[in-house]
Amino acid sequence: MKIKRRNDLSVRLLEIFGMLMLHQTTVAAAAELGISQPSVSSAIKQLEDQLGFPLFERQKKRMHPTSEARLLFEEIEPLFEQLRSIESRVRDLRGGSAGKLRLLATPPLGHSVVPIALKAFLAGRPAVTVQYDVRRLEEVIDAVSIGTCDLGLCLGLESHPGVTVRSPRSDLMRALVQSGHPLAGRDFIGPAETAEAGFIGLDRVSRLGLQLQASFEADGVDYAPQVEVRYCHTAAILAQAGNGVAVVDAFTALSVAAMDLVALPFRPEISIPASLITRSDQPVPLLAAEFATIVERTMAEISAVPDEAGPDEPGPDAAPPDPDTSGPITPDPGPPDP
């Protein structure tokens, strides 16, 4: 059997043929496909011309398949099942209910906001899988910039070459002390009281450590911690064990709320932006954009100081977002519907 190669076989022609095999009349096949009856007849004629043999015998307004048509239908019926599966998958991907989301976060957001947001995000998306890890800021930025991560979450980053940084909110750093500490009853504490009581410093190569050091220097107090750590969560654990005062970001203060610690305002104020990082040279994937929206809502819901603000208003520590960087992340709209 020789097939004429004037045109390659069209999947659309085969689809029309398959529908006609199921319904046996061009009128019923046309209604199912949403096209006209002459279009069905023309398509079958075109397919027969390409194949080089007849597919139907026309008797009393019905189309009776030939033996060749039956054999062909047996071959292509699995293809239709695959196409229906592909179409369903495309609809899921377009609607954000399927796919894979790759996330990285630095510890403060990774241990506080992300777990809550992830639960809400996955609740209605059983077909979505997530690859998630907590890393250092430099690793998060690198992963986003080279495309191995769809969305990064961090604190203290306002801009960086090669990635797009958006900061929907900022919050003030807090001082953590044991509940029985002499400073626990203060309205706020500053560098002088912190230094006198002994404190756990933040690594001066980190962004938060640099800002904390600058705060001490601005008050004329030496930044000379006896213990210095990389992560705010580590500082909080050390404060819980009685190693001194820990000055940490607001989200770390929230994540250790179950510990026997008191969170106090720290003066002078140190405002730390919470930032979402995406690749600057690529559209934002739909799943990443949807998760970013949930992250922002989660940040607002948990609030940095829930006991000092109502449920619908930000805590007093929340600084207004930068109007140039606080707009929503816009997903890649993808191709138009066929």
C-alpha atoms as a PDB file:
ATOM      1  CA  MET A   1       0.000   0.000   0.000  1.00  0.00           C
ATOM      2  CA  LYS A   2       1.465   3.309  -1.084  1.00  0.00           C
ATOM      3  CA  ILE A   3       0.411   6.567   0.543  1.00  0.00           C
ATOM      4  CA  LYS A   4       0.552   9.661  -1.625  1.00  0.00           C
ATOM      5  CA  ARG A   5       2.971  12.115  -0.040  1.00  0.00           C
ATOM      6  CA  ARG A   6       1.589  15.344  -1.436  1.00  0.00           C
ATOM      7  CA  ASN A   7       0.819  16.247   2.172  1.00  0.00           C
ATOM      8  CA  ASP A   8       1.665  14.630   5.470  1.00  0.00           C
ATOM      9  CA  LEU A   9      -1.232  12.996   7.253  1.00  0.00           C
ATOM     10  CA  SER A  10      -3.071  15.580   9.324  1.00  0.00           C
ATOM     11  CA  VAL A  11      -4.022  14.822  12.907  1.00  0.00           C
ATOM     12  CA  ARG A  12      -7.139  16.919  12.333  1.00  0.00           C
ATOM     13  CA  LEU A  13      -8.174  14.759   9.378  1.00  0.00           C
ATOM     14  CA  LEU A  14      -7.632  11.640  11.441  1.00  0.00           C
ATOM     15  CA  GLU A  15      -9.702  13.162  14.255  1.00  0.00           C
ATOM     16  CA  ILE A  16     -12.597  13.798  11.871  1.00  0.00           C
ATOM     17  CA  PHE A  17     -12.259  10.259  10.514  1.00  0.00           C
ATOM     18  CA  GLY A  18     -12.331   8.834  14.040  1.00  0.00           C
ATOM     19  CA  MET A  19     -15.449  10.824  14.927  1.00  0.00           C
ATOM     20  CA  LEU A  20     -17.176   9.607  11.786  1.00  0.00           C
ATOM     21  CA  MET A  21     -16.269   6.020  12.661  1.00  0.00           C
ATOM     22  CA  LEU A  22     -17.989   6.490  16.013  1.00  0.00           C
ATOM     23  CA  HIS A  23     -21.147   8.242  14.745  1.00  0.00           C
ATOM     24  CA  GLN A  24     -21.553   6.720  11.249  1.00  0.00           C
ATOM     25  CA  THR A  25     -23.136   9.892   9.824  1.00  0.00           C
ATOM     26  CA  THR A  26     -21.497  13.119   8.718  1.00  0.00           C
ATOM     27  CA  VAL A  27     -24.249  15.164  10.409  1.00  0.00           C
ATOM     28  CA  ALA A  28     -23.623  13.612  13.835  1.00  0.00           C
ATOM     29  CA  ALA A  29     -19.836  13.810  13.449  1.00  0.00           C
ATOM     30  CA  ALA A  30     -20.076  17.470  12.421  1.00  0.00           C
ATOM     31  CA  ALA A  31     -22.246  18.284  15.435  1.00  0.00           C
ATOM     32  CA  GLU A  32     -19.779  16.585  17.791  1.00  0.00           C
ATOM     33  CA  LEU A  33     -16.804  18.395  16.250  1.00  0.00           C
ATOM     34  CA  GLY A  34     -18.541  21.758  16.005  1.00  0.00           C
ATOM     35  CA  ILE A  35     -18.031  22.076  12.252  1.00  0.00           C
ATOM     36  CA  SER A  36     -20.310  21.900   9.232  1.00  0.00           C
ATOM     37  CA  GLN A  37     -21.418  18.668   7.557  1.00  0.00           C
ATOM     38  CA  PRO A  38     -19.768  19.634   4.230  1.00  0.00           C
ATOM     39  CA  SER A  39     -16.484  20.167   6.124  1.00  0.00           C
ATOM     40  CA  VAL A  40     -16.653  16.574   7.373  1.00  0.00           C
ATOM     41  CA  SER A  41     -17.312  15.241   3.887  1.00  0.00           C
ATOM     42  CA  SER A  42     -14.491  17.329   2.438  1.00  0.00           C
ATOM     43  CA  ALA A  43     -12.067  16.172   5.129  1.00  0.00           C
ATOM     44  CA  ILE A  44     -12.852  12.489   4.530  1.00  0.00           C
ATOM     45  CA  LYS A  45     -12.398  12.949   0.796  1.00  0.00           C
ATOM     46  CA  GLN A  46      -9.045  14.643   1.391  1.00  0.00           C
ATOM     47  CA  LEU A  47      -7.931  11.840   3.711  1.00  0.00           C
ATOM     48  CA  GLU A  48      -8.999   9.162   1.231  1.00  0.00           C
ATOM     49  CA  ASP A  49      -7.051  10.975  -1.466  1.00  0.00           C
ATOM     50  CA  GLN A  50      -3.937  11.021   0.723  1.00  0.00           C
ATOM     51  CA  LEU A  51      -4.279   7.365   1.680  1.00  0.00           C
ATOM     52  CA  GLY A  52      -5.087   6.113  -1.792  1.00  0.00           C
ATOM     53  CA  PHE A  53      -8.072   3.951  -0.829  1.00  0.00           C
ATOM     54  CA  PRO A  54     -11.719   4.544   0.146  1.00  0.00           C
ATOM     55  CA  LEU A  55     -12.687   4.620   3.787  1.00  0.00           C
ATOM     56  CA  PHE A  56     -16.484   4.567   3.598  1.00  0.00           C
ATOM     57  CA  GLU A  57     -19.251   3.299   1.402  1.00  0.00           C
ATOM     58  CA  ARG A  58     -22.208   5.649   1.271  1.00  0.00           C
ATOM     59  CA  GLN A  59     -25.534   3.878   1.599  1.00  0.00           C
ATOM     60  CA  LYS A  60     -28.857   5.489   2.488  1.00  0.00           C
ATOM     61  CA  LYS A  61     -27.363   8.578   4.127  1.00  0.00           C
ATOM     62  CA  ARG A  62     -25.089   6.503   6.323  1.00  0.00           C
ATOM     63  CA  MET A  63     -21.373   5.957   6.057  1.00  0.00           C
ATOM     64  CA  HIS A  64     -20.334   2.312   6.237  1.00  0.00           C
ATOM     65  CA  PRO A  65     -16.617   1.850   6.950  1.00  0.00           C
ATOM     66  CA  THR A  66     -14.560  -0.354   4.721  1.00  0.00           C
ATOM     67  CA  SER A  67     -12.366  -3.102   6.131  1.00  0.00           C
ATOM     68  CA  GLU A  68      -9.361  -0.796   5.592  1.00  0.00           C
ATOM     69  CA  ALA A  69     -11.098   1.927   7.593  1.00  0.00           C
ATOM     70  CA  ARG A  70     -11.696  -0.474  10.479  1.00  0.00           C
ATOM     71  CA  LEU A  71      -8.044  -1.518  10.509  1.00  0.00           C
ATOM     72  CA  LEU A  72      -6.923   2.113  10.381  1.00  0.00           C
ATOM     73  CA  PHE A  73      -9.259   3.042  13.227  1.00  0.00           C
ATOM     74  CA  GLU A  74      -7.773   0.299  15.395  1.00  0.00           C
ATOM     75  CA  GLU A  75      -4.346   1.854  14.837  1.00  0.00           C
ATOM     76  CA  ILE A  76      -5.283   5.448  15.549  1.00  0.00           C
ATOM     77  CA  GLU A  77      -7.773   5.005  18.407  1.00  0.00           C
ATOM     78  CA  PRO A  78      -4.958   4.910  21.029  1.00  0.00           C
ATOM     79  CA  LEU A  79      -3.647   8.148  19.513  1.00  0.00           C
ATOM     80  CA  PHE A  80      -6.969   9.849  20.247  1.00  0.00           C
ATOM     81  CA  GLU A  81      -6.781   8.714  23.859  1.00  0.00           C
ATOM     82  CA  GLN A  82      -3.288  10.206  24.129  1.00  0.00           C
ATOM     83  CA  LEU A  83      -4.444  13.457  22.549  1.00  0.00           C
ATOM     84  CA  ARG A  84      -7.326  13.726  25.014  1.00  0.00           C
ATOM     85  CA  SER A  85      -4.875  13.154  27.840  1.00  0.00           C
ATOM     86  CA  ILE A  86      -2.551  15.840  26.462  1.00  0.00           C
ATOM     87  CA  GLU A  87      -5.426  18.302  26.104  1.00  0.00           C
ATOM     88  CA  SER A  88      -6.454  17.665  29.709  1.00  0.00           C
ATOM     89  CA  ARG A  89      -2.859  18.157  30.853  1.00  0.00           C
ATOM     90  CA  VAL A  90      -2.589  21.433  28.939  1.00  0.00           C
ATOM     91  CA  ARG A  91      -5.782  22.696  30.584  1.00  0.00           C
ATOM     92  CA  ASP A  92      -4.369  21.809  34.008  1.00  0.00           C
ATOM     93  CA  LEU A  93      -1.074  23.540  33.259  1.00  0.00           C
ATOM     94  CA  ARG A  94      -2.848  26.623  31.951  1.00  0.00           C
ATOM     95  CA  GLY A  95      -5.061  26.732  35.026  1.00  0.00           C
ATOM     96  CA  GLY A  96      -2.170  26.270  37.461  1.00  0.00           C
ATOM     97  CA  SER A  97      -3.506  22.961  38.812  1.00  0.00           C
ATOM     98  CA  ALA A  98      -0.612  20.820  37.552  1.00  0.00           C
ATOM     99  CA  GLY A  99       3.132  21.113  37.107  1.00  0.00           C
ATOM    100  CA  LYS A 100       6.222  21.504  39.269  1.00  0.00           C
ATOM    101  CA  LEU A 101       7.204  24.493  41.403  1.00  0.00           C
ATOM    102  CA  ARG A 102      10.838  24.967  42.412  1.00  0.00           C
ATOM    103  CA  LEU A 103      11.312  27.096  45.531  1.00  0.00           C
ATOM    104  CA  LEU A 104      14.242  28.287  47.611  1.00  0.00           C
ATOM    105  CA  ALA A 105      14.139  30.502  50.684  1.00  0.00           C
ATOM    106  CA  THR A 106      16.514  31.841  53.277  1.00  0.00           C
ATOM    107  CA  PRO A 107      15.837  30.559  56.833  1.00  0.00           C
ATOM    108  CA  PRO A 108      13.742  33.430  58.264  1.00  0.00           C
ATOM    109  CA  LEU A 109      10.993  33.151  55.629  1.00  0.00           C
ATOM    110  CA  GLY A 110      11.716  29.499  54.934  1.00  0.00           C
ATOM    111  CA  HIS A 111      10.902  28.493  58.508  1.00  0.00           C
ATOM    112  CA  SER A 112       7.951  30.819  59.104  1.00  0.00           C
ATOM    113  CA  VAL A 113       5.988  32.028  56.077  1.00  0.00           C
ATOM    114  CA  VAL A 114       6.697  29.329  53.479  1.00  0.00           C
ATOM    115  CA  PRO A 115       5.319  26.321  55.433  1.00  0.00           C
ATOM    116  CA  ILE A 116       2.000  28.093  55.985  1.00  0.00           C
ATOM    117  CA  ALA A 117       1.802  29.390  52.408  1.00  0.00           C
ATOM    118  CA  LEU A 118       2.752  26.002  50.982  1.00  0.00           C
ATOM    119  CA  LYS A 119      -0.078  24.272  52.806  1.00  0.00           C
ATOM    120  CA  ALA A 120      -2.608  26.747  51.388  1.00  0.00           C
ATOM    121  CA  PHE A 121      -1.074  26.535  47.911  1.00  0.00           C
ATOM    122  CA  LEU A 122      -1.153  22.731  47.689  1.00  0.00           C
ATOM    123  CA  ALA A 123      -4.611  22.319  49.217  1.00  0.00           C
ATOM    124  CA  GLY A 124      -6.374  22.718  45.872  1.00  0.00           C
ATOM    125  CA  ARG A 125      -3.586  21.485  43.618  1.00  0.00           C
ATOM    126  CA  PRO A 126      -3.179  17.705  44.064  1.00  0.00           C
ATOM    127  CA  ALA A 127      -1.378  17.384  40.714  1.00  0.00           C
ATOM    128  CA  VAL A 128       1.310  19.964  41.599  1.00  0.00           C
ATOM    129  CA  THR A 129       4.680  18.869  42.957  1.00  0.00           C
ATOM    130  CA  VAL A 130       7.107  21.151  44.803  1.00  0.00           C
ATOM    131  CA  GLN A 131      10.883  21.054  45.100  1.00  0.00           C
ATOM    132  CA  TYR A 132      11.765  23.149  48.145  1.00  0.00           C
ATOM    133  CA  ASP A 133      14.896  23.862  50.158  1.00  0.00           C
ATOM    134  CA  VAL A 134      16.267  26.443  52.597  1.00  0.00           C
ATOM    135  CA  ARG A 135      19.618  27.946  51.583  1.00  0.00           C
ATOM    136  CA  ARG A 136      21.913  30.910  52.118  1.00  0.00           C
ATOM    137  CA  LEU A 137      20.988  34.119  50.323  1.00  0.00           C
ATOM    138  CA  GLU A 138      23.819  33.855  47.792  1.00  0.00           C
ATOM    139  CA  GLU A 139      22.694  30.371  46.786  1.00  0.00           C
ATOM    140  CA  VAL A 140      19.079  31.491  46.402  1.00  0.00           C
ATOM    141  CA  ILE A 141      20.093  34.360  44.115  1.00  0.00           C
ATOM    142  CA  ASP A 142      22.370  32.126  42.022  1.00  0.00           C
ATOM    143  CA  ALA A 143      19.703  29.434  41.602  1.00  0.00           C
ATOM    144  CA  VAL A 144      17.083  31.929  40.450  1.00  0.00           C
ATOM    145  CA  SER A 145      19.477  33.699  38.067  1.00  0.00           C
ATOM    146  CA  ILE A 146      20.485  30.500  36.256  1.00  0.00           C
ATOM    147  CA  GLY A 147      16.936  29.143  36.128  1.00  0.00           C
ATOM    148  CA  THR A 148      17.184  26.157  38.489  1.00  0.00           C
ATOM    149  CA  CYS A 149      14.677  27.808  40.827  1.00  0.00           C
ATOM    150  CA  ASP A 150      11.362  29.473  39.880  1.00  0.00           C
ATOM    151  CA  LEU A 151      10.970  31.690  42.929  1.00  0.00           C
ATOM    152  CA  GLY A 152      13.265  32.761  45.742  1.00  0.00           C
ATOM    153  CA  LEU A 153      12.260  34.281  49.078  1.00  0.00           C
ATOM    154  CA  CYS A 154      14.618  36.232  51.318  1.00  0.00           C
ATOM    155  CA  LEU A 155      15.079  39.151  53.669  1.00  0.00           C
ATOM    156  CA  GLY A 156      17.201  42.259  53.301  1.00  0.00           C
ATOM    157  CA  LEU A 157      17.598  42.255  49.511  1.00  0.00           C
ATOM    158  CA  GLU A 158      16.435  45.351  47.650  1.00  0.00           C
ATOM    159  CA  SER A 159      18.048  44.803  44.252  1.00  0.00           C
ATOM    160  CA  HIS A 160      20.541  42.544  42.528  1.00  0.00           C
ATOM    161  CA  PRO A 161      21.850  42.329  38.950  1.00  0.00           C
ATOM    162  CA  GLY A 162      20.466  39.415  36.964  1.00  0.00           C
ATOM    163  CA  VAL A 163      17.281  38.944  38.981  1.00  0.00           C
ATOM    164  CA  THR A 164      14.084  40.859  39.607  1.00  0.00           C
ATOM    165  CA  VAL A 165      13.545  41.716  43.267  1.00  0.00           C
ATOM    166  CA  ARG A 166      10.139  42.758  44.574  1.00  0.00           C
ATOM    167  CA  SER A 167       9.605  43.699  48.213  1.00  0.00           C
ATOM    168  CA  PRO A 168       5.909  43.665  49.168  1.00  0.00           C
ATOM    169  CA  ARG A 169       6.570  44.627  52.818  1.00  0.00           C
ATOM    170  CA  SER A 170       9.188  45.551  55.400  1.00  0.00           C
ATOM    171  CA  ASP A 171       9.268  44.813  59.126  1.00  0.00           C
ATOM    172  CA  LEU A 172      11.388  45.975  62.038  1.00  0.00           C
ATOM    173  CA  MET A 173      13.946  43.815  63.793  1.00  0.00           C
ATOM    174  CA  ARG A 174      13.107  42.654  67.324  1.00  0.00           C
ATOM    175  CA  ALA A 175      15.168  41.982  70.437  1.00  0.00           C
ATOM    176  CA  LEU A 176      14.624  38.590  72.080  1.00  0.00           C
ATOM    177  CA  VAL A 177      15.359  37.979  75.775  1.00  0.00           C
ATOM    178  CA  GLN A 178      14.398  35.258  78.215  1.00  0.00           C
ATOM    179  CA  SER A 179      11.098  35.945  79.963  1.00  0.00           C
ATOM    180  CA  GLY A 180      12.878  36.334  83.307  1.00  0.00           C
ATOM    181  CA  HIS A 181      15.602  38.601  81.958  1.00  0.00           C
ATOM    182  CA  PRO A 182      15.996  42.041  83.642  1.00  0.00           C
ATOM    183  CA  LEU A 183      15.286  43.688  80.267  1.00  0.00           C
ATOM    184  CA  ALA A 184      12.079  41.703  79.604  1.00  0.00           C
ATOM    185  CA  GLY A 185       9.842  44.392  81.085  1.00  0.00           C
ATOM    186  CA  ARG A 186      11.261  47.269  79.031  1.00  0.00           C
ATOM    187  CA  ASP A 187       9.170  49.022  76.362  1.00  0.00           C
ATOM    188  CA  PHE A 188      12.134  48.769  74.016  1.00  0.00           C
ATOM    189  CA  ILE A 189      15.887  48.300  74.174  1.00  0.00           C
ATOM    190  CA  GLY A 190      18.762  49.779  72.214  1.00  0.00           C
ATOM    191  CA  PRO A 191      22.405  49.024  71.478  1.00  0.00           C
ATOM    192  CA  ALA A 192      23.664  50.306  74.852  1.00  0.00           C
ATOM    193  CA  GLU A 193      21.404  48.038  76.925  1.00  0.00           C
ATOM    194  CA  THR A 194      21.996  45.153  74.530  1.00  0.00           C
ATOM    195  CA  ALA A 195      25.775  45.475  74.764  1.00  0.00           C
ATOM    196  CA  GLU A 196      25.707  45.850  78.549  1.00  0.00           C
ATOM    197  CA  ALA A 197      23.561  42.727  78.970  1.00  0.00           C
ATOM    198  CA  GLY A 198      25.617  40.725  76.500  1.00  0.00           C
ATOM    199  CA  PHE A 199      24.295  39.769  73.097  1.00  0.00           C
ATOM    200  CA  ILE A 200      24.520  37.245  70.285  1.00  0.00           C
ATOM    201  CA  GLY A 201      25.763  39.043  67.186  1.00  0.00           C
ATOM    202  CA  LEU A 202      24.872  38.364  63.570  1.00  0.00           C
ATOM    203  CA  ASP A 203      27.625  37.579  61.093  1.00  0.00           C
ATOM    204  CA  ARG A 204      28.931  40.891  59.758  1.00  0.00           C
ATOM    205  CA  VAL A 205      29.185  39.535  56.219  1.00  0.00           C
ATOM    206  CA  SER A 206      25.403  39.065  56.168  1.00  0.00           C
ATOM    207  CA  ARG A 207      23.035  41.887  55.244  1.00  0.00           C
ATOM    208  CA  LEU A 208      21.204  41.804  58.573  1.00  0.00           C
ATOM    209  CA  GLY A 209      24.506  41.663  60.459  1.00  0.00           C
ATOM    210  CA  LEU A 210      25.778  44.729  58.627  1.00  0.00           C
ATOM    211  CA  GLN A 211      22.618  46.670  59.442  1.00  0.00           C
ATOM    212  CA  LEU A 212      22.759  45.645  63.085  1.00  0.00           C
ATOM    213  CA  GLN A 213      26.391  46.722  63.302  1.00  0.00           C
ATOM    214  CA  ALA A 214      25.538  50.070  61.683  1.00  0.00           C
ATOM    215  CA  SER A 215      22.765  50.566  64.263  1.00  0.00           C
ATOM    216  CA  PHE A 216      25.259  50.079  67.105  1.00  0.00           C
ATOM    217  CA  GLU A 217      27.781  52.420  65.523  1.00  0.00           C
ATOM    218  CA  ALA A 218      25.115  55.072  64.930  1.00  0.00           C
ATOM    219  CA  ASP A 219      24.469  55.059  68.701  1.00  0.00           C
ATOM    220  CA  GLY A 220      28.185  55.208  69.475  1.00  0.00           C
ATOM    221  CA  VAL A 221      28.258  51.639  70.868  1.00  0.00           C
ATOM    222  CA  ASP A 222      30.940  49.131  69.921  1.00  0.00           C
ATOM    223  CA  TYR A 223      29.614  46.110  68.055  1.00  0.00           C
ATOM    224  CA  ALA A 224      31.582  43.457  69.923  1.00  0.00           C
ATOM    225  CA  PRO A 225      29.512  40.306  70.453  1.00  0.00           C
ATOM    226  CA  GLN A 226      31.125  37.454  72.352  1.00  0.00           C
ATOM    227  CA  VAL A 227      29.188  35.006  70.178  1.00  0.00           C
ATOM    228  CA  GLU A 228      28.489  35.645  66.499  1.00  0.00           C
ATOM    229  CA  VAL A 229      26.209  33.483  64.330  1.00  0.00           C
ATOM    230  CA  ARG A 230      25.110  33.349  60.727  1.00  0.00           C
ATOM    231  CA  TYR A 231      21.376  32.832  61.189  1.00  0.00           C
ATOM    232  CA  CYS A 232      18.775  34.660  63.278  1.00  0.00           C
ATOM    233  CA  HIS A 233      17.178  31.373  64.309  1.00  0.00           C
ATOM    234  CA  THR A 234      20.479  30.248  65.812  1.00  0.00           C
ATOM    235  CA  ALA A 235      20.684  33.524  67.744  1.00  0.00           C
ATOM    236  CA  ALA A 236      17.162  32.958  69.088  1.00  0.00           C
ATOM    237  CA  ILE A 237      18.045  29.457  70.307  1.00  0.00           C
ATOM    238  CA  LEU A 238      21.127  30.816  72.058  1.00  0.00           C
ATOM    239  CA  ALA A 239      19.037  33.563  73.677  1.00  0.00           C
ATOM    240  CA  GLN A 240      16.601  30.904  74.875  1.00  0.00           C
ATOM    241  CA  ALA A 241      19.532  29.141  76.566  1.00  0.00           C
ATOM    242  CA  GLY A 242      20.524  32.334  78.385  1.00  0.00           C
ATOM    243  CA  ASN A 243      23.447  33.421  76.233  1.00  0.00           C
ATOM    244  CA  GLY A 244      22.276  37.038  76.038  1.00  0.00           C
ATOM    245  CA  VAL A 245      20.070  39.245  73.878  1.00  0.00           C
ATOM    246  CA  ALA A 246      19.353  38.272  70.262  1.00  0.00           C
ATOM    247  CA  VAL A 247      18.326  40.945  67.752  1.00  0.00           C
ATOM    248  CA  VAL A 248      16.493  39.166  64.940  1.00  0.00           C
ATOM    249  CA  ASP A 249      14.100  39.779  62.068  1.00  0.00           C
ATOM    250  CA  ALA A 250      10.368  39.883  62.771  1.00  0.00           C
ATOM    251  CA  PHE A 251       9.638  36.542  61.073  1.00  0.00           C
ATOM    252  CA  THR A 252      12.214  34.687  63.145  1.00  0.00           C
ATOM    253  CA  ALA A 253      10.654  36.257  66.243  1.00  0.00           C
ATOM    254  CA  LEU A 254       7.321  34.808  65.109  1.00  0.00           C
ATOM    255  CA  SER A 255       8.723  31.360  64.390  1.00  0.00           C
ATOM    256  CA  VAL A 256      10.125  31.015  67.926  1.00  0.00           C
ATOM    257  CA  ALA A 257       6.982  32.265  69.673  1.00  0.00           C
ATOM    258  CA  ALA A 258       6.646  28.957  71.524  1.00  0.00           C
ATOM    259  CA  MET A 259      10.011  29.493  73.207  1.00  0.00           C
ATOM    260  CA  ASP A 260      10.315  31.162  76.618  1.00  0.00           C
ATOM    261  CA  LEU A 261      11.339  34.453  75.036  1.00  0.00           C
ATOM    262  CA  VAL A 262      10.005  37.991  75.059  1.00  0.00           C
ATOM    263  CA  ALA A 263      10.155  40.023  71.835  1.00  0.00           C
ATOM    264  CA  LEU A 264      10.842  43.725  72.341  1.00  0.00           C
ATOM    265  CA  PRO A 265      11.089  46.624  69.893  1.00  0.00           C
ATOM    266  CA  PHE A 266      14.696  47.497  69.098  1.00  0.00           C
ATOM    267  CA  ARG A 267      15.732  51.140  68.763  1.00  0.00           C
ATOM    268  CA  PRO A 268      17.025  52.683  66.578  1.00  0.00           C
ATOM    269  CA  GLU A 269      14.672  50.938  64.183  1.00  0.00           C
ATOM    270  CA  ILE A 270      16.097  48.561  61.578  1.00  0.00           C
ATOM    271  CA  SER A 271      13.645  47.983  58.736  1.00  0.00           C
ATOM    272  CA  ILE A 272      14.163  44.744  56.795  1.00  0.00           C
ATOM    273  CA  PRO A 273      12.378  44.149  53.457  1.00  0.00           C
ATOM    274  CA  ALA A 274      10.850  40.759  52.708  1.00  0.00           C
ATOM    275  CA  SER A 275      11.612  40.062  49.062  1.00  0.00           C
ATOM    276  CA  LEU A 276      10.539  37.755  46.253  1.00  0.00           C
ATOM    277  CA  ILE A 277      13.146  36.978  43.597  1.00  0.00           C
ATOM    278  CA  THR A 278      12.436  35.923  40.014  1.00  0.00           C
ATOM    279  CA  ARG A 279      14.548  35.634  36.911  1.00  0.00           C
ATOM    280  CA  SER A 280      14.748  38.926  35.053  1.00  0.00           C
ATOM    281  CA  ASP A 281      15.166  37.561  31.521  1.00  0.00           C
ATOM    282  CA  GLN A 282      12.301  35.049  31.571  1.00  0.00           C
ATOM    283  CA  PRO A 283       8.546  35.259  32.161  1.00  0.00           C
ATOM    284  CA  VAL A 284       7.469  34.193  35.641  1.00  0.00           C
ATOM    285  CA  PRO A 285       5.918  30.687  35.590  1.00  0.00           C
ATOM    286  CA  LEU A 286       2.227  30.623  36.452  1.00  0.00           C
ATOM    287  CA  LEU A 287       2.695  28.421  39.524  1.00  0.00           C
ATOM    288  CA  ALA A 288       5.422  30.708  40.871  1.00  0.00           C
ATOM    289  CA  ALA A 289       3.224  33.781  40.428  1.00  0.00           C
ATOM    290  CA  GLU A 290       0.298  32.097  42.174  1.00  0.00           C
ATOM    291  CA  PHE A 291       2.483  30.965  45.060  1.00  0.00           C
ATOM    292  CA  ALA A 292       3.925  34.489  45.396  1.00  0.00           C
ATOM    293  CA  THR A 293       0.389  35.834  45.812  1.00  0.00           C
ATOM    294  CA  ILE A 294      -0.289  33.335  48.596  1.00  0.00           C
ATOM    295  CA  VAL A 295       3.031  34.213  50.277  1.00  0.00           C
ATOM    296  CA  GLU A 296       2.087  37.887  50.360  1.00  0.00           C
ATOM    297  CA  ARG A 297      -1.309  37.075  51.815  1.00  0.00           C
ATOM    298  CA  THR A 298       0.304  34.825  54.420  1.00  0.00           C
ATOM    299  CA  MET A 299       2.721  37.565  55.451  1.00  0.00           C
ATOM    300  CA  ALA A 300      -0.178  39.948  55.969  1.00  0.00           C
ATOM    301  CA  GLU A 301      -2.225  37.374  57.884  1.00  0.00           C
ATOM    302  CA  ILE A 302       0.402  36.293  60.368  1.00  0.00           C
ATOM    303  CA  SER A 303       1.539  39.926  60.903  1.00  0.00           C
ATOM    304  CA  ALA A 304       4.804  40.740  62.560  1.00  0.00           C
ATOM    305  CA  VAL A 305       3.088  41.897  65.784  1.00  0.00           C
ATOM    306  CA  PRO A 306      -0.346  40.212  65.942  1.00  0.00           C
ATOM    307  CA  ASP A 307      -1.142  41.343  69.484  1.00  0.00           C
ATOM    308  CA  GLU A 308      -0.712  45.020  68.619  1.00  0.00           C
ATOM    309  CA  ALA A 309      -2.820  45.182  65.470  1.00  0.00           C
ATOM    310  CA  GLY A 310      -6.273  44.136  64.382  1.00  0.00           C
ATOM    311  CA  PRO A 311      -6.826  41.215  62.026  1.00  0.00           C
ATOM    312  CA  ASP A 312      -7.241  43.407  58.967  1.00  0.00           C
ATOM    313  CA  GLU A 313      -4.460  45.910  59.531  1.00  0.00           C
ATOM    314  CA  PRO A 314      -0.671  45.501  59.524  1.00  0.00           C
ATOM    315  CA  GLY A 315       1.278  45.627  62.756  1.00  0.00           C
ATOM    316  CA  PRO A 316       2.911  48.920  63.711  1.00  0.00           C
ATOM    317  CA  ASP A 317       6.297  47.505  62.795  1.00  0.00           C
ATOM    318  CA  ALA A 318       5.254  47.064  59.181  1.00  0.00           C
ATOM    319  CA  ALA A 319       6.765  49.739  56.958  1.00  0.00           C
ATOM    320  CA  PRO A 320       4.931  50.813  53.791  1.00  0.00           C
ATOM    321  CA  PRO A 321       6.088  48.920  50.698  1.00  0.00           C
ATOM    322  CA  ASP A 322       8.180  50.584  48.044  1.00  0.00           C
ATOM    323  CA  PRO A 323       5.678  51.579  45.322  1.00  0.00           C
ATOM    324  CA  ASP A 324       8.201  50.678  42.629  1.00  0.00           C
ATOM    325  CA  THR A 325       8.764  47.123  43.857  1.00  0.00           C
ATOM    326  CA  SER A 326       5.543  46.030  45.541  1.00  0.00           C
ATOM    327  CA  GLY A 327       3.290  45.282  42.580  1.00  0.00           C
ATOM    328  CA  PRO A 328       2.086  41.718  42.035  1.00  0.00           C
ATOM    329  CA  ILE A 329       4.252  39.227  40.183  1.00  0.00           C
ATOM    330  CA  THR A 330       2.760  38.775  36.732  1.00  0.00           C
ATOM    331  CA  PRO A 331       2.845  35.225  35.355  1.00  0.00           C
ATOM    332  CA  ASP A 332       3.696  34.238  31.825  1.00  0.00           C
ATOM    333  CA  PRO A 333       0.275  34.253  30.088  1.00  0.00           C
ATOM    334  CA  GLY A 334       1.395  31.363  27.903  1.00  0.00           C
ATOM    335  CA  PRO A 335       0.084  30.697  24.414  1.00  0.00           C
ATOM    336  CA  PRO A 336      -3.493  31.744  23.589  1.00  0.00           C
ATOM    337  CA  ASP A 337      -6.227  29.150  23.623  1.00  0.00           C
ATOM    338  CA  PRO A 338      -6.428  27.278  20.307  1.00  0.00           C
END
